[in-house]
Protein backbone atom coordinates (compact mmCIF):
# COMPACT_ATOMS: atom_id res chain seq x y z
CA UNK A 1 1.46 10.36 -29.42
CA UNK A 2 -1.86 11.44 -30.88
CA UNK A 3 -2.94 7.82 -31.49
CA UNK A 4 -1.79 6.77 -28.00
CA UNK A 5 -3.67 9.72 -26.49
CA UNK A 6 -6.90 8.49 -28.02
CA UNK A 7 -6.67 4.99 -26.51
CA UNK A 8 -7.71 3.85 -23.04
CA UNK A 9 -5.59 1.38 -21.08
CA UNK A 10 -6.52 0.02 -17.66
CA UNK A 11 -3.14 0.23 -15.87
CA UNK A 12 -3.95 -2.66 -13.49
CA UNK A 13 -4.78 -4.92 -16.44
CA UNK A 14 -1.63 -3.79 -18.27
CA UNK A 15 0.58 -4.48 -15.23
CA UNK A 16 -1.00 -7.93 -14.77
CA UNK A 17 -0.47 -8.82 -18.43
CA UNK A 18 3.13 -7.58 -18.42
CA UNK A 19 3.80 -9.54 -15.21
CA UNK A 20 2.55 -12.75 -16.85
CA UNK A 21 4.63 -12.06 -19.96
CA UNK A 22 7.82 -11.43 -17.97
CA UNK A 23 7.19 -14.65 -16.03
CA UNK A 24 6.79 -16.56 -19.28
CA UNK A 25 10.06 -15.14 -20.65
CA UNK A 26 12.09 -15.73 -17.48
CA UNK A 27 10.50 -18.84 -15.99
CA UNK A 28 9.66 -16.88 -12.80
CA UNK A 29 6.31 -17.05 -11.02
CA UNK A 30 5.53 -13.43 -11.88
CA UNK A 31 7.25 -10.24 -12.99
CA UNK A 32 6.93 -6.51 -12.56
CA UNK A 33 8.24 -3.50 -14.46
CA UNK A 34 9.81 -0.81 -12.27
CA UNK A 35 11.30 2.64 -12.78
CA UNK A 36 14.77 1.32 -11.93
CA UNK A 37 16.80 -0.87 -9.64
CA UNK A 38 16.05 1.10 -6.47
CA UNK A 39 12.31 0.80 -7.11
CA UNK A 40 12.73 -2.93 -7.74
CA UNK A 41 14.60 -3.35 -4.45
CA UNK A 42 11.94 -1.37 -2.57
CA UNK A 43 9.14 -3.52 -4.03
CA UNK A 44 11.05 -6.75 -3.33
CA UNK A 45 11.67 -5.69 0.27
CA UNK A 46 8.00 -4.78 0.73
CA UNK A 47 7.02 -8.19 -0.65
CA UNK A 48 9.36 -9.93 1.80
CA UNK A 49 7.99 -7.93 4.72
CA UNK A 50 4.29 -8.29 3.90
CA UNK A 51 4.45 -11.78 2.42
CA UNK A 52 1.19 -12.97 0.93
CA UNK A 53 -0.95 -11.13 3.47
CA UNK A 54 -3.26 -8.53 1.85
CA UNK A 55 -3.86 -6.76 5.19
CA UNK A 56 -0.11 -6.37 5.75
CA UNK A 57 0.30 -5.08 2.19
CA UNK A 58 -2.26 -2.32 2.75
CA UNK A 59 -0.52 -1.29 5.99
CA UNK A 60 2.82 -0.53 4.33
CA UNK A 61 4.88 1.60 4.81
CA UNK A 62 3.77 1.23 8.44
CA UNK A 63 5.47 -2.03 9.36
CA UNK A 64 4.78 -2.40 13.09
CA UNK A 65 4.39 -6.09 13.95
CA UNK A 66 5.77 -7.26 10.59
CA UNK A 67 9.14 -8.81 9.77
CA UNK A 68 12.08 -6.53 10.49
CA UNK A 69 14.86 -8.24 8.53
CA UNK A 70 15.27 -9.39 4.97
CA UNK A 71 18.12 -11.61 3.76
CA UNK A 72 19.49 -10.68 0.36
CA UNK A 73 21.76 -12.68 -1.91
CA UNK A 74 23.22 -11.93 -5.28
CA UNK A 75 22.13 -14.17 -8.14
CA UNK A 76 24.12 -14.59 -11.29
CA UNK A 77 21.87 -14.97 -14.31
């Protein structure tokens, strides 16, 4: 803990690096670490609603004018 407390980590850079690593391991386009399954579902739903639109992303959780429905399927890995 003492050693970790003396180091600086840019959290955005760490998240980006971890996302690339998860993608490499899984064959996905990108990955993200979450605090649990509910957080993962919330982030996935937000991604489906906002798509690849930075303006829509910054508007969330206000979703007026954005998609209202998300289809979900269960994948077996």
